[in-house]
Every structure is written in C-alpha cells, then in structure tokens.
Amino acid sequence: MVLGKVVGTVWATRKDEELVGMKLQIVKHLDLQYRVKDTFVVAVDTVQAGVGDVVLVCSGSSARQTAQTKNKPVDAVIMAVVDKLDVAD
C-alpha cells in the first residue's frame, strides 16, 4: 500500500467497457510528514475520495480484490481515505 494525496481526476469518455462508471483519480505519493513526492499513480476510486484527500492506494493484483474492481483491468485502487497517522519518532 502507498500513502498518497488526490490531486486530480482523469476524464476518459472512451475507455474499455469494464471501466465504464469507474472514477479515475490522480494520486501523488506522500511521505510520513505529508510531503508530496514527484511520483504519482492513476487509481480507480472505490471510496468516493476527493481532490485534497489523503488516501491509501493498493496496486498490482491486489487492486482487483475490491467489489468494484474484481476481475477488471485495474492496477491501482484507492481503498481508504486516511483520517490520521500516528507515527512514532
């Protein structure tokens, strides 16, 4: 899993029919101090996250394990909106 911040939305009017109805979000990776990194991923949003939300992203074959993405051509999925991090120093 990767900690990230939703920074935008991908609009694709023409896409594989297995992806119709799925919201695609651009997520930039974060470090533990919530600093945005240069890396990003486009992920299917299964939890109604919005721009500015801190989220957990799962990728690879595990991304196809949610009810919405099961057996779909998906490599990354937003599976949680993060409320708080508790990090020991």
PDB file of N, CA and C in Angstrom:
ATOM      1  N   MET A   1       0.842  -1.179   0.000  1.00  0.00           N
ATOM      2  CA  MET A   1       0.000   0.000   0.000  1.00  0.00           C
ATOM      3  C   MET A   1       0.884   1.238   0.000  1.00  0.00           C
ATOM      4  N   VAL A   2       0.343   2.302  -0.545  1.00  0.00           N
ATOM      5  CA  VAL A   2       1.063   3.573  -0.641  1.00  0.00           C
ATOM      6  C   VAL A   2       0.170   4.678  -0.090  1.00  0.00           C
ATOM      7  N   LEU A   3       0.783   5.575   0.658  1.00  0.00           N
ATOM      8  CA  LEU A   3       0.089   6.754   1.147  1.00  0.00           C
ATOM      9  C   LEU A   3       0.152   7.819   0.062  1.00  0.00           C
ATOM     10  N   GLY A   4      -0.977   8.451  -0.235  1.00  0.00           N
ATOM     11  CA  GLY A   4      -0.987   9.450  -1.290  1.00  0.00           C
ATOM     12  C   GLY A   4      -2.011  10.543  -1.070  1.00  0.00           C
ATOM     13  N   LYS A   5      -1.964  11.535  -1.955  1.00  0.00           N
ATOM     14  CA  LYS A   5      -2.911  12.648  -1.904  1.00  0.00           C
ATOM     15  C   LYS A   5      -3.548  12.789  -3.280  1.00  0.00           C
ATOM     16  N   VAL A   6      -4.866  12.844  -3.312  1.00  0.00           N
ATOM     17  CA  VAL A   6      -5.580  13.006  -4.572  1.00  0.00           C
ATOM     18  C   VAL A   6      -5.368  14.438  -5.056  1.00  0.00           C
ATOM     19  N   VAL A   7      -4.830  14.559  -6.278  1.00  0.00           N
ATOM     20  CA  VAL A   7      -4.529  15.889  -6.828  1.00  0.00           C
ATOM     21  C   VAL A   7      -5.323  16.203  -8.083  1.00  0.00           C
ATOM     22  N   GLY A   8      -6.066  15.232  -8.583  1.00  0.00           N
ATOM     23  CA  GLY A   8      -6.834  15.497  -9.798  1.00  0.00           C
ATOM     24  C   GLY A   8      -7.636  14.296 -10.249  1.00  0.00           C
ATOM     25  N   THR A   9      -8.371  14.510 -11.318  1.00  0.00           N
ATOM     26  CA  THR A   9      -9.242  13.481 -11.892  1.00  0.00           C
ATOM     27  C   THR A   9      -8.896  13.277 -13.353  1.00  0.00           C
ATOM     28  N   VAL A  10      -8.956  12.039 -13.798  1.00  0.00           N
ATOM     29  CA  VAL A  10      -8.764  11.719 -15.210  1.00  0.00           C
ATOM     30  C   VAL A  10     -10.142  11.533 -15.832  1.00  0.00           C
ATOM     31  N   TRP A  11     -10.409  12.278 -16.887  1.00  0.00           N
ATOM     32  CA  TRP A  11     -11.669  12.146 -17.624  1.00  0.00           C
ATOM     33  C   TRP A  11     -11.374  11.396 -18.907  1.00  0.00           C
ATOM     34  N   ALA A  12     -12.027  10.276 -19.120  1.00  0.00           N
ATOM     35  CA  ALA A  12     -11.826   9.476 -20.327  1.00  0.00           C
ATOM     36  C   ALA A  12     -13.194   9.032 -20.834  1.00  0.00           C
ATOM     37  N   THR A  13     -13.681   9.693 -21.858  1.00  0.00           N
ATOM     38  CA  THR A  13     -15.013   9.349 -22.367  1.00  0.00           C
ATOM     39  C   THR A  13     -14.987   8.060 -23.172  1.00  0.00           C
ATOM     40  N   ARG A  14     -13.823   7.715 -23.722  1.00  0.00           N
ATOM     41  CA  ARG A  14     -13.672   6.457 -24.443  1.00  0.00           C
ATOM     42  C   ARG A  14     -12.704   5.575 -23.675  1.00  0.00           C
ATOM     43  N   LYS A  15     -13.209   4.458 -23.175  1.00  0.00           N
ATOM     44  CA  LYS A  15     -12.373   3.539 -22.400  1.00  0.00           C
ATOM     45  C   LYS A  15     -12.956   2.133 -22.500  1.00  0.00           C
ATOM     46  N   ASP A  16     -12.200   1.159 -22.044  1.00  0.00           N
ATOM     47  CA  ASP A  16     -12.668  -0.216 -22.031  1.00  0.00           C
ATOM     48  C   ASP A  16     -13.993  -0.289 -21.280  1.00  0.00           C
ATOM     49  N   GLU A  17     -14.911  -1.074 -21.799  1.00  0.00           N
ATOM     50  CA  GLU A  17     -16.247  -1.142 -21.178  1.00  0.00           C
ATOM     51  C   GLU A  17     -16.202  -1.670 -19.747  1.00  0.00           C
ATOM     52  N   GLU A  18     -15.161  -2.392 -19.380  1.00  0.00           N
ATOM     53  CA  GLU A  18     -15.016  -2.855 -17.991  1.00  0.00           C
ATOM     54  C   GLU A  18     -14.749  -1.696 -17.028  1.00  0.00           C
ATOM     55  N   LEU A  19     -14.331  -0.544 -17.556  1.00  0.00           N
ATOM     56  CA  LEU A  19     -14.025   0.615 -16.708  1.00  0.00           C
ATOM     57  C   LEU A  19     -15.141   1.656 -16.686  1.00  0.00           C
ATOM     58  N   VAL A  20     -16.183   1.439 -17.461  1.00  0.00           N
ATOM     59  CA  VAL A  20     -17.291   2.392 -17.502  1.00  0.00           C
ATOM     60  C   VAL A  20     -17.892   2.522 -16.101  1.00  0.00           C
ATOM     61  N   GLY A  21     -18.089   3.767 -15.679  1.00  0.00           N
ATOM     62  CA  GLY A  21     -18.662   4.047 -14.369  1.00  0.00           C
ATOM     63  C   GLY A  21     -17.642   4.160 -13.254  1.00  0.00           C
ATOM     64  N   MET A  22     -16.385   3.874 -13.549  1.00  0.00           N
ATOM     65  CA  MET A  22     -15.342   3.983 -12.520  1.00  0.00           C
ATOM     66  C   MET A  22     -14.691   5.361 -12.588  1.00  0.00           C
ATOM     67  N   LYS A  23     -14.486   5.956 -11.414  1.00  0.00           N
ATOM     68  CA  LYS A  23     -13.845   7.266 -11.304  1.00  0.00           C
ATOM     69  C   LYS A  23     -12.338   7.069 -11.208  1.00  0.00           C
ATOM     70  N   LEU A  24     -11.597   7.749 -12.069  1.00  0.00           N
ATOM     71  CA  LEU A  24     -10.138   7.645 -12.093  1.00  0.00           C
ATOM     72  C   LEU A  24      -9.530   8.905 -11.481  1.00  0.00           C
ATOM     73  N   GLN A  25      -8.711   8.722 -10.459  1.00  0.00           N
ATOM     74  CA  GLN A  25      -8.101   9.835  -9.742  1.00  0.00           C
ATOM     75  C   GLN A  25      -6.582   9.806  -9.907  1.00  0.00           C
ATOM     76  N   ILE A  26      -5.983  10.989  -9.949  1.00  0.00           N
ATOM     77  CA  ILE A  26      -4.524  11.117  -9.960  1.00  0.00           C
ATOM     78  C   ILE A  26      -4.080  11.273  -8.507  1.00  0.00           C
ATOM     79  N   VAL A  27      -3.204  10.374  -8.070  1.00  0.00           N
ATOM     80  CA  VAL A  27      -2.747  10.367  -6.678  1.00  0.00           C
ATOM     81  C   VAL A  27      -1.233  10.523  -6.652  1.00  0.00           C
ATOM     82  N   LYS A  28      -0.752  11.585  -5.986  1.00  0.00           N
ATOM     83  CA  LYS A  28       0.691  11.784  -5.787  1.00  0.00           C
ATOM     84  C   LYS A  28       1.074  11.108  -4.472  1.00  0.00           C
ATOM     85  N   HIS A  29       2.211  10.431  -4.487  1.00  0.00           N
ATOM     86  CA  HIS A  29       2.684   9.750  -3.284  1.00  0.00           C
ATOM     87  C   HIS A  29       3.100  10.762  -2.215  1.00  0.00           C
ATOM     88  N   LEU A  30       2.954  10.366  -0.952  1.00  0.00           N
ATOM     89  CA  LEU A  30       3.315  11.207   0.200  1.00  0.00           C
ATOM     90  C   LEU A  30       4.329  10.497   1.068  1.00  0.00           C
ATOM     91  N   ASP A  31       5.147  11.291   1.790  1.00  0.00           N
ATOM     92  CA  ASP A  31       5.981  10.701   2.840  1.00  0.00           C
ATOM     93  C   ASP A  31       5.210  10.811   4.168  1.00  0.00           C
ATOM     94  N   LEU A  32       5.828  10.393   5.254  1.00  0.00           N
ATOM     95  CA  LEU A  32       5.121  10.356   6.543  1.00  0.00           C
ATOM     96  C   LEU A  32       4.856  11.731   7.147  1.00  0.00           C
ATOM     97  N   GLN A  33       5.473  12.769   6.588  1.00  0.00           N
ATOM     98  CA  GLN A  33       5.199  14.141   7.034  1.00  0.00           C
ATOM     99  C   GLN A  33       4.210  14.827   6.080  1.00  0.00           C
ATOM    100  N   TYR A  34       3.535  14.031   5.270  1.00  0.00           N
ATOM    101  CA  TYR A  34       2.547  14.520   4.291  1.00  0.00           C
ATOM    102  C   TYR A  34       3.170  15.375   3.193  1.00  0.00           C
ATOM    103  N   ARG A  35       4.479  15.251   2.974  1.00  0.00           N
ATOM    104  CA  ARG A  35       5.116  15.983   1.879  1.00  0.00           C
ATOM    105  C   ARG A  35       4.887  15.221   0.576  1.00  0.00           C
ATOM    106  N   VAL A  36       4.475  15.960  -0.442  1.00  0.00           N
ATOM    107  CA  VAL A  36       4.183  15.356  -1.744  1.00  0.00           C
ATOM    108  C   VAL A  36       5.483  15.007  -2.459  1.00  0.00           C
ATOM    109  N   LYS A  37       5.533  13.785  -2.993  1.00  0.00           N
ATOM    110  CA  LYS A  37       6.679  13.333  -3.787  1.00  0.00           C
ATOM    111  C   LYS A  37       6.393  13.577  -5.264  1.00  0.00           C
ATOM    112  N   ASP A  38       7.385  13.358  -6.105  1.00  0.00           N
ATOM    113  CA  ASP A  38       7.215  13.552  -7.543  1.00  0.00           C
ATOM    114  C   ASP A  38       6.434  12.421  -8.211  1.00  0.00           C
ATOM    115  N   THR A  39       6.403  11.257  -7.588  1.00  0.00           N
ATOM    116  CA  THR A  39       5.758  10.099  -8.203  1.00  0.00           C
ATOM    117  C   THR A  39       4.241  10.149  -8.031  1.00  0.00           C
ATOM    118  N   PHE A  40       3.546   9.557  -8.995  1.00  0.00           N
ATOM    119  CA  PHE A  40       2.088   9.537  -8.936  1.00  0.00           C
ATOM    120  C   PHE A  40       1.562   8.257  -9.578  1.00  0.00           C
ATOM    121  N   VAL A  41       0.281   8.020  -9.380  1.00  0.00           N
ATOM    122  CA  VAL A  41      -0.406   6.886  -9.985  1.00  0.00           C
ATOM    123  C   VAL A  41      -1.831   7.322 -10.322  1.00  0.00           C
ATOM    124  N   VAL A  42      -2.385   6.728 -11.354  1.00  0.00           N
ATOM    125  CA  VAL A  42      -3.809   6.902 -11.648  1.00  0.00           C
ATOM    126  C   VAL A  42      -4.500   5.687 -11.057  1.00  0.00           C
ATOM    127  N   ALA A  43      -5.481   5.923 -10.189  1.00  0.00           N
ATOM    128  CA  ALA A  43      -6.130   4.834  -9.464  1.00  0.00           C
ATOM    129  C   ALA A  43      -7.645   4.934  -9.566  1.00  0.00           C
ATOM    130  N   VAL A  44      -8.290   3.779  -9.565  1.00  0.00           N
ATOM    131  CA  VAL A  44      -9.754   3.723  -9.503  1.00  0.00           C
ATOM    132  C   VAL A  44     -10.169   4.063  -8.078  1.00  0.00           C
ATOM    133  N   ASP A  45     -11.121   4.962  -7.941  1.00  0.00           N
ATOM    134  CA  ASP A  45     -11.599   5.410  -6.631  1.00  0.00           C
ATOM    135  C   ASP A  45     -12.812   4.578  -6.220  1.00  0.00           C
ATOM    136  N   THR A  46     -12.655   3.765  -5.174  1.00  0.00           N
ATOM    137  CA  THR A  46     -13.776   2.943  -4.696  1.00  0.00           C
ATOM    138  C   THR A  46     -14.401   3.481  -3.410  1.00  0.00           C
ATOM    139  N   VAL A  47     -13.876   4.610  -2.900  1.00  0.00           N
ATOM    140  CA  VAL A  47     -14.348   5.121  -1.608  1.00  0.00           C
ATOM    141  C   VAL A  47     -14.820   6.567  -1.666  1.00  0.00           C
ATOM    142  N   GLN A  48     -15.063   7.078  -2.857  1.00  0.00           N
ATOM    143  CA  GLN A  48     -15.543   8.442  -3.057  1.00  0.00           C
ATOM    144  C   GLN A  48     -14.602   9.490  -2.471  1.00  0.00           C
ATOM    145  N   ALA A  49     -13.299   9.312  -2.722  1.00  0.00           N
ATOM    146  CA  ALA A  49     -12.305  10.300  -2.300  1.00  0.00           C
ATOM    147  C   ALA A  49     -12.411  11.525  -3.195  1.00  0.00           C
ATOM    148  N   GLY A  50     -11.947  12.642  -2.691  1.00  0.00           N
ATOM    149  CA  GLY A  50     -11.972  13.871  -3.474  1.00  0.00           C
ATOM    150  C   GLY A  50     -10.602  14.503  -3.527  1.00  0.00           C
ATOM    151  N   VAL A  51     -10.452  15.487  -4.396  1.00  0.00           N
ATOM    152  CA  VAL A  51      -9.188  16.207  -4.507  1.00  0.00           C
ATOM    153  C   VAL A  51      -8.832  16.789  -3.135  1.00  0.00           C
ATOM    154  N   GLY A  52      -7.595  16.573  -2.726  1.00  0.00           N
ATOM    155  CA  GLY A  52      -7.120  17.042  -1.426  1.00  0.00           C
ATOM    156  C   GLY A  52      -7.133  15.965  -0.359  1.00  0.00           C
ATOM    157  N   ASP A  53      -7.866  14.874  -0.565  1.00  0.00           N
ATOM    158  CA  ASP A  53      -7.918  13.800   0.427  1.00  0.00           C
ATOM    159  C   ASP A  53      -6.609  13.019   0.455  1.00  0.00           C
ATOM    160  N   VAL A  54      -6.201  12.623   1.661  1.00  0.00           N
ATOM    161  CA  VAL A  54      -5.082  11.703   1.843  1.00  0.00           C
ATOM    162  C   VAL A  54      -5.679  10.300   1.809  1.00  0.00           C
ATOM    163  N   VAL A  55      -5.085   9.427   1.003  1.00  0.00           N
ATOM    164  CA  VAL A  55      -5.677   8.113   0.749  1.00  0.00           C
ATOM    165  C   VAL A  55      -4.625   7.010   0.818  1.00  0.00           C
ATOM    166  N   LEU A  56      -5.120   5.769   0.922  1.00  0.00           N
ATOM    167  CA  LEU A  56      -4.278   4.587   0.770  1.00  0.00           C
ATOM    168  C   LEU A  56      -4.571   3.982  -0.588  1.00  0.00           C
ATOM    169  N   VAL A  57      -3.509   3.701  -1.324  1.00  0.00           N
ATOM    170  CA  VAL A  57      -3.633   3.116  -2.656  1.00  0.00           C
ATOM    171  C   VAL A  57      -2.990   1.740  -2.643  1.00  0.00           C
ATOM    172  N   CYS A  58      -3.692   0.789  -3.182  1.00  0.00           N
ATOM    173  CA  CYS A  58      -3.188  -0.566  -3.338  1.00  0.00           C
ATOM    174  C   CYS A  58      -2.953  -0.786  -4.828  1.00  0.00           C
ATOM    175  N   SER A  59      -1.879  -1.486  -5.166  1.00  0.00           N
ATOM    176  CA  SER A  59      -1.595  -1.697  -6.585  1.00  0.00           C
ATOM    177  C   SER A  59      -1.272  -3.152  -6.867  1.00  0.00           C
ATOM    178  N   GLY A  60      -1.137  -3.450  -8.147  1.00  0.00           N
ATOM    179  CA  GLY A  60      -0.860  -4.816  -8.565  1.00  0.00           C
ATOM    180  C   GLY A  60      -2.117  -5.669  -8.537  1.00  0.00           C
ATOM    181  N   SER A  61      -1.936  -6.967  -8.428  1.00  0.00           N
ATOM    182  CA  SER A  61      -3.089  -7.878  -8.465  1.00  0.00           C
ATOM    183  C   SER A  61      -4.043  -7.644  -7.295  1.00  0.00           C
ATOM    184  N   SER A  62      -3.555  -7.114  -6.183  1.00  0.00           N
ATOM    185  CA  SER A  62      -4.425  -6.826  -5.036  1.00  0.00           C
ATOM    186  C   SER A  62      -5.445  -5.742  -5.350  1.00  0.00           C
ATOM    187  N   ALA A  63      -5.159  -4.896  -6.346  1.00  0.00           N
ATOM    188  CA  ALA A  63      -6.092  -3.831  -6.726  1.00  0.00           C
ATOM    189  C   ALA A  63      -7.375  -4.399  -7.322  1.00  0.00           C
ATOM    190  N   ARG A  64      -7.347  -5.646  -7.734  1.00  0.00           N
ATOM    191  CA  ARG A  64      -8.531  -6.279  -8.317  1.00  0.00           C
ATOM    192  C   ARG A  64      -9.314  -7.096  -7.298  1.00  0.00           C
ATOM    193  N   GLN A  65      -9.132  -6.808  -6.027  1.00  0.00           N
ATOM    194  CA  GLN A  65      -9.801  -7.575  -4.973  1.00  0.00           C
ATOM    195  C   GLN A  65     -10.979  -6.852  -4.337  1.00  0.00           C
ATOM    196  N   THR A  66     -11.272  -5.619  -4.747  1.00  0.00           N
ATOM    197  CA  THR A  66     -12.432  -4.921  -4.187  1.00  0.00           C
ATOM    198  C   THR A  66     -13.691  -5.356  -4.938  1.00  0.00           C
ATOM    199  N   ALA A  67     -14.835  -5.091  -4.361  1.00  0.00           N
ATOM    200  CA  ALA A  67     -16.103  -5.458  -5.010  1.00  0.00           C
ATOM    201  C   ALA A  67     -16.248  -4.775  -6.366  1.00  0.00           C
ATOM    202  N   GLN A  68     -15.800  -3.524  -6.462  1.00  0.00           N
ATOM    203  CA  GLN A  68     -15.926  -2.747  -7.700  1.00  0.00           C
ATOM    204  C   GLN A  68     -14.938  -3.161  -8.776  1.00  0.00           C
ATOM    205  N   THR A  69     -13.746  -3.618  -8.371  1.00  0.00           N
ATOM    206  CA  THR A  69     -12.681  -3.857  -9.341  1.00  0.00           C
ATOM    207  C   THR A  69     -12.420  -5.339  -9.618  1.00  0.00           C
ATOM    208  N   LYS A  70     -13.189  -6.209  -9.028  1.00  0.00           N
ATOM    209  CA  LYS A  70     -12.962  -7.652  -9.185  1.00  0.00           C
ATOM    210  C   LYS A  70     -12.936  -8.045 -10.663  1.00  0.00           C
ATOM    211  N   ASN A  71     -11.825  -8.664 -11.071  1.00  0.00           N
ATOM    212  CA  ASN A  71     -11.631  -9.146 -12.446  1.00  0.00           C
ATOM    213  C   ASN A  71     -11.689  -8.044 -13.502  1.00  0.00           C
ATOM    214  N   LYS A  72     -11.379  -6.816 -13.115  1.00  0.00           N
ATOM    215  CA  LYS A  72     -11.343  -5.684 -14.049  1.00  0.00           C
ATOM    216  C   LYS A  72      -9.888  -5.369 -14.402  1.00  0.00           C
ATOM    217  N   PRO A  73      -9.645  -4.676 -15.518  1.00  0.00           N
ATOM    218  CA  PRO A  73      -8.274  -4.327 -15.906  1.00  0.00           C
ATOM    219  C   PRO A  73      -7.753  -3.123 -15.116  1.00  0.00           C
ATOM    220  N   VAL A  74      -7.504  -3.338 -13.824  1.00  0.00           N
ATOM    221  CA  VAL A  74      -7.125  -2.268 -12.897  1.00  0.00           C
ATOM    222  C   VAL A  74      -5.801  -2.633 -12.236  1.00  0.00           C
ATOM    223  N   ASP A  75      -4.898  -1.655 -12.134  1.00  0.00           N
ATOM    224  CA  ASP A  75      -3.609  -1.890 -11.497  1.00  0.00           C
ATOM    225  C   ASP A  75      -3.432  -1.081 -10.216  1.00  0.00           C
ATOM    226  N   ALA A  76      -4.323  -0.121  -9.955  1.00  0.00           N
ATOM    227  CA  ALA A  76      -4.239   0.674  -8.729  1.00  0.00           C
ATOM    228  C   ALA A  76      -5.647   1.073  -8.300  1.00  0.00           C
ATOM    229  N   VAL A  77      -5.885   1.031  -6.987  1.00  0.00           N
ATOM    230  CA  VAL A  77      -7.210   1.356  -6.463  1.00  0.00           C
ATOM    231  C   VAL A  77      -7.065   2.154  -5.170  1.00  0.00           C
ATOM    232  N   ILE A  78      -7.886   3.195  -5.039  1.00  0.00           N
ATOM    233  CA  ILE A  78      -7.976   3.938  -3.778  1.00  0.00           C
ATOM    234  C   ILE A  78      -8.938   3.149  -2.912  1.00  0.00           C
ATOM    235  N   MET A  79      -8.436   2.655  -1.764  1.00  0.00           N
ATOM    236  CA  MET A  79      -9.258   1.770  -0.946  1.00  0.00           C
ATOM    237  C   MET A  79      -9.546   2.314   0.444  1.00  0.00           C
ATOM    238  N   ALA A  80      -9.010   3.504   0.762  1.00  0.00           N
ATOM    239  CA  ALA A  80      -9.289   4.112   2.064  1.00  0.00           C
ATOM    240  C   ALA A  80      -8.969   5.599   2.025  1.00  0.00           C
ATOM    241  N   VAL A  81      -9.752   6.378   2.749  1.00  0.00           N
ATOM    242  CA  VAL A  81      -9.449   7.789   2.993  1.00  0.00           C
ATOM    243  C   VAL A  81      -8.857   7.848   4.399  1.00  0.00           C
ATOM    244  N   VAL A  82      -7.668   8.423   4.517  1.00  0.00           N
ATOM    245  CA  VAL A  82      -6.941   8.457   5.790  1.00  0.00           C
ATOM    246  C   VAL A  82      -7.423   9.638   6.624  1.00  0.00           C
ATOM    247  N   ASP A  83      -7.801   9.343   7.871  1.00  0.00           N
ATOM    248  CA  ASP A  83      -8.207  10.395   8.786  1.00  0.00           C
ATOM    249  C   ASP A  83      -7.019  10.928   9.576  1.00  0.00           C
ATOM    250  N   LYS A  84      -6.093  10.037   9.931  1.00  0.00           N
ATOM    251  CA  LYS A  84      -4.992  10.446  10.812  1.00  0.00           C
ATOM    252  C   LYS A  84      -3.871   9.416  10.733  1.00  0.00           C
ATOM    253  N   LEU A  85      -2.650   9.876  10.894  1.00  0.00           N
ATOM    254  CA  LEU A  85      -1.492   8.983  11.030  1.00  0.00           C
ATOM    255  C   LEU A  85      -0.917   9.146  12.423  1.00  0.00           C
ATOM    256  N   ASP A  86      -0.587   8.045  13.072  1.00  0.00           N
ATOM    257  CA  ASP A  86       0.151   8.061  14.331  1.00  0.00           C
ATOM    258  C   ASP A  86       1.506   7.441  14.048  1.00  0.00           C
ATOM    259  N   VAL A  87       2.555   8.276  14.044  1.00  0.00           N
ATOM    260  CA  VAL A  87       3.891   7.815  13.704  1.00  0.00           C
ATOM    261  C   VAL A  87       4.808   8.063  14.888  1.00  0.00           C
ATOM    262  N   ALA A  88       5.467   7.005  15.373  1.00  0.00           N
ATOM    263  CA  ALA A  88       6.428   7.151  16.478  1.00  0.00           C
ATOM    264  C   ALA A  88       7.727   7.734  15.928  1.00  0.00           C
ATOM    265  N   ASP A  89       8.346   8.618  16.706  1.00  0.00           N
ATOM    266  CA  ASP A  89       9.619   9.232  16.273  1.00  0.00           C
ATOM    267  C   ASP A  89      10.771   8.306  16.467  1.00  0.00           C
TER     268      ASP A  89
END
